[in-house]
Amino acid sequence: MTPQWPAVSGVHAWCSERGGGVSAPPYDTLNLGDHVGDDPDLVAENRRRFAGDLQARPVFLQQVHGSGVVRLTGHTPDGTQADACWTTERGVACTIMVADCLPVLLADAAGSLVAAAHCGWRGLAGDAGAGVLEALWTAIAPAAGDAARVQVWLGPCIGPDAFEVGPEVRTAFTASTAGAAKCFRPHGDGKFLADLPALARLRLAALGITRIHGNDGSRAWCTVANPSRFFSHRRDRVSGRFAAAVWRT
């Protein structure tokens, strides 16, 4: 899918879906993850096809649900450990793989910088209100300029009707994020249903970033609810990965 957000000169974005690749079930077909048990040769072909769609070089990170940030160059190797990345170089795609977590793409107003973040609940919550989005903004703020002019696109993720969590997840957000309580609904036996994209919007807004597009928490964006379009680890347990990417030309 092509992310729908206001055009920024020279900036392009793309989000893969699960079709169009060569992997066999349960990774059918465009699995981009090389760490989920799929045939490495098939994953390599899928990544080649993904790069062809981009006409840029995607850098596939080793994502660990943390808040590490890396600045990408044309020489950054795949497998670099980080959960967020940014670049000012042309033809290098900031790429985030997911199968329920939330991919977040960013671009500055001038189109001179692009960035991406992997937001599972752990990375988004972080420590005392400082998670992956805060770490990414700290890294790019000097170059990105006015936060109010930064454009953001939220990709598909597990939706608020499917993301069951324990009370510790709710506490991780409510203890440090104003308004976070409204992003959780009681769901029996002390559990809650969490709205991951809404939590990301709160954290971005706290940074002054309010031009946010894409995932609004509706069913069409839910990875669990759309098995023909999206991989979902929560739904399938053994699952491929799709990816969202942003780059400059």
C-alpha atoms as a PDB file:
ATOM      1  CA  MET A   1       0.000   0.000   0.000  1.00  0.00           C
ATOM      2  CA  THR A   2       1.075   3.574  -0.598  1.00  0.00           C
ATOM      3  CA  PRO A   3       0.903   5.630   2.608  1.00  0.00           C
ATOM      4  CA  GLN A   4      -1.527   8.511   2.294  1.00  0.00           C
ATOM      5  CA  TRP A   5       0.036  11.601   3.832  1.00  0.00           C
ATOM      6  CA  PRO A   6       0.682  15.133   2.543  1.00  0.00           C
ATOM      7  CA  ALA A   7       3.318  15.091  -0.158  1.00  0.00           C
ATOM      8  CA  VAL A   8       6.786  16.178   0.899  1.00  0.00           C
ATOM      9  CA  SER A   9       9.062  16.941  -2.040  1.00  0.00           C
ATOM     10  CA  GLY A  10      11.444  14.077  -2.763  1.00  0.00           C
ATOM     11  CA  VAL A  11      10.038  11.785  -0.044  1.00  0.00           C
ATOM     12  CA  HIS A  12       8.450   8.419  -0.827  1.00  0.00           C
ATOM     13  CA  ALA A  13       6.943   5.703   1.338  1.00  0.00           C
ATOM     14  CA  TRP A  14       5.654   2.183   0.910  1.00  0.00           C
ATOM     15  CA  CYS A  15       4.126  -0.510   3.112  1.00  0.00           C
ATOM     16  CA  SER A  16       4.154  -4.094   1.933  1.00  0.00           C
ATOM     17  CA  GLU A  17       1.327  -6.557   2.437  1.00  0.00           C
ATOM     18  CA  ARG A  18       1.600 -10.327   2.628  1.00  0.00           C
ATOM     19  CA  GLY A  19       0.980 -11.027  -1.076  1.00  0.00           C
ATOM     20  CA  GLY A  20       3.373 -10.948  -4.014  1.00  0.00           C
ATOM     21  CA  GLY A  21       6.222 -13.081  -2.707  1.00  0.00           C
ATOM     22  CA  VAL A  22       7.518 -16.630  -2.970  1.00  0.00           C
ATOM     23  CA  SER A  23       7.380 -18.020   0.573  1.00  0.00           C
ATOM     24  CA  ALA A  24       5.274 -21.079   1.367  1.00  0.00           C
ATOM     25  CA  PRO A  25       2.721 -21.318   4.209  1.00  0.00           C
ATOM     26  CA  PRO A  26       2.675 -20.227   6.976  1.00  0.00           C
ATOM     27  CA  TYR A  27       4.939 -17.460   5.609  1.00  0.00           C
ATOM     28  CA  ASP A  28       2.932 -16.959   2.438  1.00  0.00           C
ATOM     29  CA  THR A  29       3.972 -15.101   0.506  1.00  0.00           C
ATOM     30  CA  LEU A  30       5.957 -11.860   0.833  1.00  0.00           C
ATOM     31  CA  ASN A  31       7.672 -12.621   4.128  1.00  0.00           C
ATOM     32  CA  LEU A  32      10.529 -10.169   4.714  1.00  0.00           C
ATOM     33  CA  GLY A  33      11.684 -11.543   8.065  1.00  0.00           C
ATOM     34  CA  ASP A  34      14.853 -13.632   8.088  1.00  0.00           C
ATOM     35  CA  HIS A  35      14.454 -14.607  11.762  1.00  0.00           C
ATOM     36  CA  VAL A  36      11.133 -16.434  11.790  1.00  0.00           C
ATOM     37  CA  GLY A  37      12.084 -19.859  10.384  1.00  0.00           C
ATOM     38  CA  ASP A  38      11.446 -19.267   6.686  1.00  0.00           C
ATOM     39  CA  ASP A  39      13.763 -20.508   3.917  1.00  0.00           C
ATOM     40  CA  PRO A  40      16.589 -17.922   3.687  1.00  0.00           C
ATOM     41  CA  ASP A  41      16.682 -18.112  -0.103  1.00  0.00           C
ATOM     42  CA  LEU A  42      12.978 -17.327  -0.326  1.00  0.00           C
ATOM     43  CA  VAL A  43      13.326 -14.435   2.110  1.00  0.00           C
ATOM     44  CA  ALA A  44      16.202 -13.081   0.032  1.00  0.00           C
ATOM     45  CA  GLU A  45      14.002 -13.159  -3.080  1.00  0.00           C
ATOM     46  CA  ASN A  46      11.167 -11.454  -1.215  1.00  0.00           C
ATOM     47  CA  ARG A  47      13.533  -8.718  -0.058  1.00  0.00           C
ATOM     48  CA  ARG A  48      14.773  -8.299  -3.618  1.00  0.00           C
ATOM     49  CA  ARG A  49      11.185  -7.804  -4.771  1.00  0.00           C
ATOM     50  CA  PHE A  50      10.522  -5.339  -1.966  1.00  0.00           C
ATOM     51  CA  ALA A  51      13.605  -3.323  -2.914  1.00  0.00           C
ATOM     52  CA  GLY A  52      12.377  -3.355  -6.505  1.00  0.00           C
ATOM     53  CA  ASP A  53       9.073  -1.849  -5.413  1.00  0.00           C
ATOM     54  CA  LEU A  54      10.962   0.884  -3.589  1.00  0.00           C
ATOM     55  CA  GLN A  55      13.664   1.512  -6.183  1.00  0.00           C
ATOM     56  CA  ALA A  56      15.811   2.215  -3.137  1.00  0.00           C
ATOM     57  CA  ARG A  57      17.897   0.164  -0.733  1.00  0.00           C
ATOM     58  CA  PRO A  58      15.909  -0.949   2.332  1.00  0.00           C
ATOM     59  CA  VAL A  59      18.003  -1.465   5.459  1.00  0.00           C
ATOM     60  CA  PHE A  60      16.523  -4.294   7.529  1.00  0.00           C
ATOM     61  CA  LEU A  61      17.291  -3.823  11.200  1.00  0.00           C
ATOM     62  CA  GLN A  62      17.564  -6.348  13.999  1.00  0.00           C
ATOM     63  CA  GLN A  63      14.675  -5.048  16.089  1.00  0.00           C
ATOM     64  CA  VAL A  64      14.719  -5.874  19.795  1.00  0.00           C
ATOM     65  CA  HIS A  65      11.729  -3.942  21.242  1.00  0.00           C
ATOM     66  CA  GLY A  66      14.055  -1.320  22.642  1.00  0.00           C
ATOM     67  CA  SER A  67      14.813   2.336  21.985  1.00  0.00           C
ATOM     68  CA  GLY A  68      18.087   2.162  20.071  1.00  0.00           C
ATOM     69  CA  VAL A  69      18.447   4.580  17.157  1.00  0.00           C
ATOM     70  CA  VAL A  70      20.850   4.359  14.213  1.00  0.00           C
ATOM     71  CA  ARG A  71      21.641   6.849  11.486  1.00  0.00           C
ATOM     72  CA  LEU A  72      21.645   5.007   8.157  1.00  0.00           C
ATOM     73  CA  THR A  73      24.104   5.406   5.323  1.00  0.00           C
ATOM     74  CA  GLY A  74      24.514   3.499   2.104  1.00  0.00           C
ATOM     75  CA  HIS A  75      26.965   1.247   3.946  1.00  0.00           C
ATOM     76  CA  THR A  76      24.847   0.359   6.987  1.00  0.00           C
ATOM     77  CA  PRO A  77      24.557  -3.446   7.005  1.00  0.00           C
ATOM     78  CA  ASP A  78      21.307  -5.342   7.339  1.00  0.00           C
ATOM     79  CA  GLY A  79      20.999  -6.760  10.832  1.00  0.00           C
ATOM     80  CA  THR A  80      22.172  -3.590  12.583  1.00  0.00           C
ATOM     81  CA  GLN A  81      20.520  -3.649  16.001  1.00  0.00           C
ATOM     82  CA  ALA A  82      18.112  -0.771  16.555  1.00  0.00           C
ATOM     83  CA  ASP A  83      14.387  -0.070  16.762  1.00  0.00           C
ATOM     84  CA  ALA A  84      14.492   3.283  15.004  1.00  0.00           C
ATOM     85  CA  CYS A  85      16.521   4.747  12.174  1.00  0.00           C
ATOM     86  CA  TRP A  86      16.935   7.939  10.205  1.00  0.00           C
ATOM     87  CA  THR A  87      18.867   9.232   7.247  1.00  0.00           C
ATOM     88  CA  THR A  88      19.511  12.263   5.102  1.00  0.00           C
ATOM     89  CA  GLU A  89      20.990  10.179   2.271  1.00  0.00           C
ATOM     90  CA  ARG A  90      19.084   9.610  -0.943  1.00  0.00           C
ATOM     91  CA  GLY A  91      18.153   6.078  -1.983  1.00  0.00           C
ATOM     92  CA  VAL A  92      18.479   4.595   1.515  1.00  0.00           C
ATOM     93  CA  ALA A  93      15.139   3.429   2.914  1.00  0.00           C
ATOM     94  CA  CYS A  94      14.419   3.528   6.634  1.00  0.00           C
ATOM     95  CA  THR A  95      12.611   0.203   7.002  1.00  0.00           C
ATOM     96  CA  ILE A  96      10.637  -1.335   9.870  1.00  0.00           C
ATOM     97  CA  MET A  97       9.408  -4.939   9.900  1.00  0.00           C
ATOM     98  CA  VAL A  98       6.257  -5.807  11.828  1.00  0.00           C
ATOM     99  CA  ALA A  99       3.603  -8.459  12.405  1.00  0.00           C
ATOM    100  CA  ASP A 100       1.376  -6.652  14.968  1.00  0.00           C
ATOM    101  CA  CYS A 101       3.676  -3.891  16.218  1.00  0.00           C
ATOM    102  CA  LEU A 102       3.196  -0.372  14.867  1.00  0.00           C
ATOM    103  CA  PRO A 103       5.509   1.007  12.155  1.00  0.00           C
ATOM    104  CA  VAL A 104       5.923   4.787  12.336  1.00  0.00           C
ATOM    105  CA  LEU A 105       7.328   6.777   9.393  1.00  0.00           C
ATOM    106  CA  LEU A 106       8.457  10.417   9.622  1.00  0.00           C
ATOM    107  CA  ALA A 107       9.654  13.137   7.262  1.00  0.00           C
ATOM    108  CA  ASP A 108      10.716  16.708   7.949  1.00  0.00           C
ATOM    109  CA  ALA A 109       8.980  19.595   6.188  1.00  0.00           C
ATOM    110  CA  ALA A 110      11.858  20.195   3.789  1.00  0.00           C
ATOM    111  CA  GLY A 111      12.135  16.568   2.714  1.00  0.00           C
ATOM    112  CA  SER A 112      15.777  16.510   3.770  1.00  0.00           C
ATOM    113  CA  LEU A 113      15.385  13.850   6.452  1.00  0.00           C
ATOM    114  CA  VAL A 114      13.327  10.688   6.849  1.00  0.00           C
ATOM    115  CA  ALA A 115      13.008   8.340   9.800  1.00  0.00           C
ATOM    116  CA  ALA A 116      11.165   5.250  11.010  1.00  0.00           C
ATOM    117  CA  ALA A 117      10.423   3.573  14.322  1.00  0.00           C
ATOM    118  CA  HIS A 118       9.281   0.133  15.482  1.00  0.00           C
ATOM    119  CA  CYS A 119       6.634   0.560  18.181  1.00  0.00           C
ATOM    120  CA  GLY A 120       5.618  -2.493  20.117  1.00  0.00           C
ATOM    121  CA  TRP A 121       4.236  -1.630  23.532  1.00  0.00           C
ATOM    122  CA  ARG A 122       7.604  -2.105  25.278  1.00  0.00           C
ATOM    123  CA  GLY A 123       9.525   0.155  22.941  1.00  0.00           C
ATOM    124  CA  LEU A 124       6.746   2.727  22.859  1.00  0.00           C
ATOM    125  CA  ALA A 125       6.386   2.845  26.650  1.00  0.00           C
ATOM    126  CA  GLY A 126      10.119   2.832  27.296  1.00  0.00           C
ATOM    127  CA  ASP A 127      11.368   3.835  30.726  1.00  0.00           C
ATOM    128  CA  ALA A 128       9.629   6.610  32.681  1.00  0.00           C
ATOM    129  CA  GLY A 129       8.039   7.998  29.547  1.00  0.00           C
ATOM    130  CA  ALA A 130      11.168   7.845  27.406  1.00  0.00           C
ATOM    131  CA  GLY A 131      10.765   5.234  24.695  1.00  0.00           C
ATOM    132  CA  VAL A 132      11.705   4.712  21.093  1.00  0.00           C
ATOM    133  CA  LEU A 133       9.834   7.745  19.735  1.00  0.00           C
ATOM    134  CA  GLU A 134      11.465  10.056  22.263  1.00  0.00           C
ATOM    135  CA  ALA A 135      14.882   8.579  21.489  1.00  0.00           C
ATOM    136  CA  LEU A 136      14.323   9.026  17.766  1.00  0.00           C
ATOM    137  CA  TRP A 137      13.194  12.634  18.178  1.00  0.00           C
ATOM    138  CA  THR A 138      16.241  13.413  20.328  1.00  0.00           C
ATOM    139  CA  ALA A 139      18.436  12.077  17.512  1.00  0.00           C
ATOM    140  CA  ILE A 140      16.748  13.919  14.640  1.00  0.00           C
ATOM    141  CA  ALA A 141      15.494  17.136  16.235  1.00  0.00           C
ATOM    142  CA  PRO A 142      18.601  19.220  15.425  1.00  0.00           C
ATOM    143  CA  ALA A 143      18.235  18.371  11.731  1.00  0.00           C
ATOM    144  CA  ALA A 144      14.443  18.041  11.515  1.00  0.00           C
ATOM    145  CA  GLY A 145      13.622  21.499  12.830  1.00  0.00           C
ATOM    146  CA  ASP A 146      10.133  22.470  13.973  1.00  0.00           C
ATOM    147  CA  ALA A 147       8.299  19.449  15.380  1.00  0.00           C
ATOM    148  CA  ALA A 148       4.957  20.977  14.394  1.00  0.00           C
ATOM    149  CA  ARG A 149       5.912  20.708  10.710  1.00  0.00           C
ATOM    150  CA  VAL A 150       7.077  17.075  10.795  1.00  0.00           C
ATOM    151  CA  GLN A 151       4.793  14.654   8.929  1.00  0.00           C
ATOM    152  CA  VAL A 152       4.086  11.196  10.390  1.00  0.00           C
ATOM    153  CA  TRP A 153       2.371   8.102   9.018  1.00  0.00           C
ATOM    154  CA  LEU A 154       1.234   5.258  11.255  1.00  0.00           C
ATOM    155  CA  GLY A 155       1.059   1.888   9.540  1.00  0.00           C
ATOM    156  CA  PRO A 156      -1.059  -1.217  10.200  1.00  0.00           C
ATOM    157  CA  CYS A 157      -0.814  -2.886  13.607  1.00  0.00           C
ATOM    158  CA  ILE A 158      -2.841  -4.966  16.020  1.00  0.00           C
ATOM    159  CA  GLY A 159      -6.069  -3.075  16.565  1.00  0.00           C
ATOM    160  CA  PRO A 160      -7.800  -1.892  19.742  1.00  0.00           C
ATOM    161  CA  ASP A 161     -10.356  -4.707  19.555  1.00  0.00           C
ATOM    162  CA  ALA A 162      -7.644  -7.392  19.443  1.00  0.00           C
ATOM    163  CA  PHE A 163      -4.745  -6.183  21.597  1.00  0.00           C
ATOM    164  CA  GLU A 164      -5.378  -7.783  24.984  1.00  0.00           C
ATOM    165  CA  VAL A 165      -2.809  -6.805  27.626  1.00  0.00           C
ATOM    166  CA  GLY A 166      -2.251  -7.144  31.337  1.00  0.00           C
ATOM    167  CA  PRO A 167      -2.411  -4.394  33.957  1.00  0.00           C
ATOM    168  CA  GLU A 168       1.369  -3.958  33.841  1.00  0.00           C
ATOM    169  CA  VAL A 169       1.100  -2.653  30.270  1.00  0.00           C
ATOM    170  CA  ARG A 170      -1.560  -0.130  31.250  1.00  0.00           C
ATOM    171  CA  THR A 171       0.543   1.007  34.197  1.00  0.00           C
ATOM    172  CA  ALA A 172       3.619   1.412  32.004  1.00  0.00           C
ATOM    173  CA  PHE A 173       1.757   4.101  30.058  1.00  0.00           C
ATOM    174  CA  THR A 174      -0.544   5.702  32.612  1.00  0.00           C
ATOM    175  CA  ALA A 175       2.353   6.306  34.997  1.00  0.00           C
ATOM    176  CA  SER A 176       4.076   8.609  32.533  1.00  0.00           C
ATOM    177  CA  THR A 177       1.722   9.559  29.686  1.00  0.00           C
ATOM    178  CA  ALA A 178      -1.076  12.088  30.183  1.00  0.00           C
ATOM    179  CA  GLY A 179      -4.349  10.813  28.788  1.00  0.00           C
ATOM    180  CA  ALA A 180      -3.135   7.235  28.375  1.00  0.00           C
ATOM    181  CA  ALA A 181      -5.916   5.758  30.522  1.00  0.00           C
ATOM    182  CA  LYS A 182      -8.458   6.467  27.771  1.00  0.00           C
ATOM    183  CA  CYS A 183      -6.490   4.162  25.449  1.00  0.00           C
ATOM    184  CA  PHE A 184      -7.363   1.090  27.562  1.00  0.00           C
ATOM    185  CA  ARG A 185     -10.720  -0.673  27.925  1.00  0.00           C
ATOM    186  CA  PRO A 186     -11.408  -3.292  30.642  1.00  0.00           C
ATOM    187  CA  HIS A 187     -11.623  -6.778  29.153  1.00  0.00           C
ATOM    188  CA  GLY A 188     -12.378  -9.145  32.006  1.00  0.00           C
ATOM    189  CA  ASP A 189     -10.183 -10.893  34.593  1.00  0.00           C
ATOM    190  CA  GLY A 190      -8.060  -7.782  35.094  1.00  0.00           C
ATOM    191  CA  LYS A 191      -7.127  -7.568  31.402  1.00  0.00           C
ATOM    192  CA  PHE A 192      -7.465  -4.611  29.062  1.00  0.00           C
ATOM    193  CA  LEU A 193      -7.786  -3.910  25.347  1.00  0.00           C
ATOM    194  CA  ALA A 194      -5.104  -1.403  24.336  1.00  0.00           C
ATOM    195  CA  ASP A 195      -5.204   1.117  21.489  1.00  0.00           C
ATOM    196  CA  LEU A 196      -1.600   1.115  20.250  1.00  0.00           C
ATOM    197  CA  PRO A 197      -1.938   3.787  17.529  1.00  0.00           C
ATOM    198  CA  ALA A 198      -3.744   6.104  19.950  1.00  0.00           C
ATOM    199  CA  LEU A 199      -0.917   5.676  22.465  1.00  0.00           C
ATOM    200  CA  ALA A 200       1.609   6.515  19.754  1.00  0.00           C
ATOM    201  CA  ARG A 201      -0.355   9.653  18.849  1.00  0.00           C
ATOM    202  CA  LEU A 202      -0.246  10.771  22.482  1.00  0.00           C
ATOM    203  CA  ARG A 203       3.501  10.280  22.707  1.00  0.00           C
ATOM    204  CA  LEU A 204       4.098  12.082  19.416  1.00  0.00           C
ATOM    205  CA  ALA A 205       1.853  14.965  20.437  1.00  0.00           C
ATOM    206  CA  ALA A 206       3.812  15.332  23.667  1.00  0.00           C
ATOM    207  CA  LEU A 207       6.882  15.933  21.481  1.00  0.00           C
ATOM    208  CA  GLY A 208       5.006  18.617  19.548  1.00  0.00           C
ATOM    209  CA  ILE A 209       4.424  16.351  16.531  1.00  0.00           C
ATOM    210  CA  THR A 210       0.762  16.608  15.558  1.00  0.00           C
ATOM    211  CA  ARG A 211       0.657  16.126  11.774  1.00  0.00           C
ATOM    212  CA  ILE A 212      -0.147  12.431  12.103  1.00  0.00           C
ATOM    213  CA  HIS A 213      -1.793  10.376   9.367  1.00  0.00           C
ATOM    214  CA  GLY A 214      -2.633   6.755   8.663  1.00  0.00           C
ATOM    215  CA  ASN A 215      -3.802   4.233  11.257  1.00  0.00           C
ATOM    216  CA  ASP A 216      -6.844   5.555  13.122  1.00  0.00           C
ATOM    217  CA  GLY A 217      -7.509   2.369  15.060  1.00  0.00           C
ATOM    218  CA  SER A 218     -10.280   1.172  12.766  1.00  0.00           C
ATOM    219  CA  ARG A 219     -10.663  -2.476  11.726  1.00  0.00           C
ATOM    220  CA  ALA A 220      -9.188  -1.928   8.251  1.00  0.00           C
ATOM    221  CA  TRP A 221      -5.803  -1.202   9.871  1.00  0.00           C
ATOM    222  CA  CYS A 222      -5.816  -4.213  12.207  1.00  0.00           C
ATOM    223  CA  THR A 223      -3.282  -6.911  11.410  1.00  0.00           C
ATOM    224  CA  VAL A 224      -5.220  -9.560  13.354  1.00  0.00           C
ATOM    225  CA  ALA A 225      -8.519  -8.828  11.611  1.00  0.00           C
ATOM    226  CA  ASN A 226      -7.150  -8.882   8.048  1.00  0.00           C
ATOM    227  CA  PRO A 227      -5.387 -12.227   7.484  1.00  0.00           C
ATOM    228  CA  SER A 228      -5.352 -11.959   3.695  1.00  0.00           C
ATOM    229  CA  ARG A 229      -3.462  -8.640   3.835  1.00  0.00           C
ATOM    230  CA  PHE A 230      -1.236  -8.685   6.903  1.00  0.00           C
ATOM    231  CA  PHE A 231       0.951 -11.035   8.880  1.00  0.00           C
ATOM    232  CA  SER A 232       0.052 -11.290  12.578  1.00  0.00           C
ATOM    233  CA  HIS A 233       2.097 -13.032  15.233  1.00  0.00           C
ATOM    234  CA  ARG A 234      -0.714 -12.677  17.781  1.00  0.00           C
ATOM    235  CA  ARG A 235      -3.149 -14.399  15.406  1.00  0.00           C
ATOM    236  CA  ASP A 236      -0.928 -17.092  13.865  1.00  0.00           C
ATOM    237  CA  ARG A 237       2.030 -17.480  16.280  1.00  0.00           C
ATOM    238  CA  VAL A 238       4.214 -18.642  13.388  1.00  0.00           C
ATOM    239  CA  SER A 239       4.129 -15.720  10.992  1.00  0.00           C
ATOM    240  CA  GLY A 240       6.046 -13.767   8.384  1.00  0.00           C
ATOM    241  CA  ARG A 241       6.803 -10.067   8.573  1.00  0.00           C
ATOM    242  CA  PHE A 242       5.709  -7.168   6.384  1.00  0.00           C
ATOM    243  CA  ALA A 243       7.510  -3.826   6.279  1.00  0.00           C
ATOM    244  CA  ALA A 244       6.999  -0.087   6.021  1.00  0.00           C
ATOM    245  CA  ALA A 245       9.705   2.095   4.507  1.00  0.00           C
ATOM    246  CA  VAL A 246      10.409   5.760   3.804  1.00  0.00           C
ATOM    247  CA  TRP A 247      13.201   7.198   1.657  1.00  0.00           C
ATOM    248  CA  ARG A 248      14.456  10.234  -0.215  1.00  0.00           C
ATOM    249  CA  THR A 249      15.077  10.472  -3.948  1.00  0.00           C
END
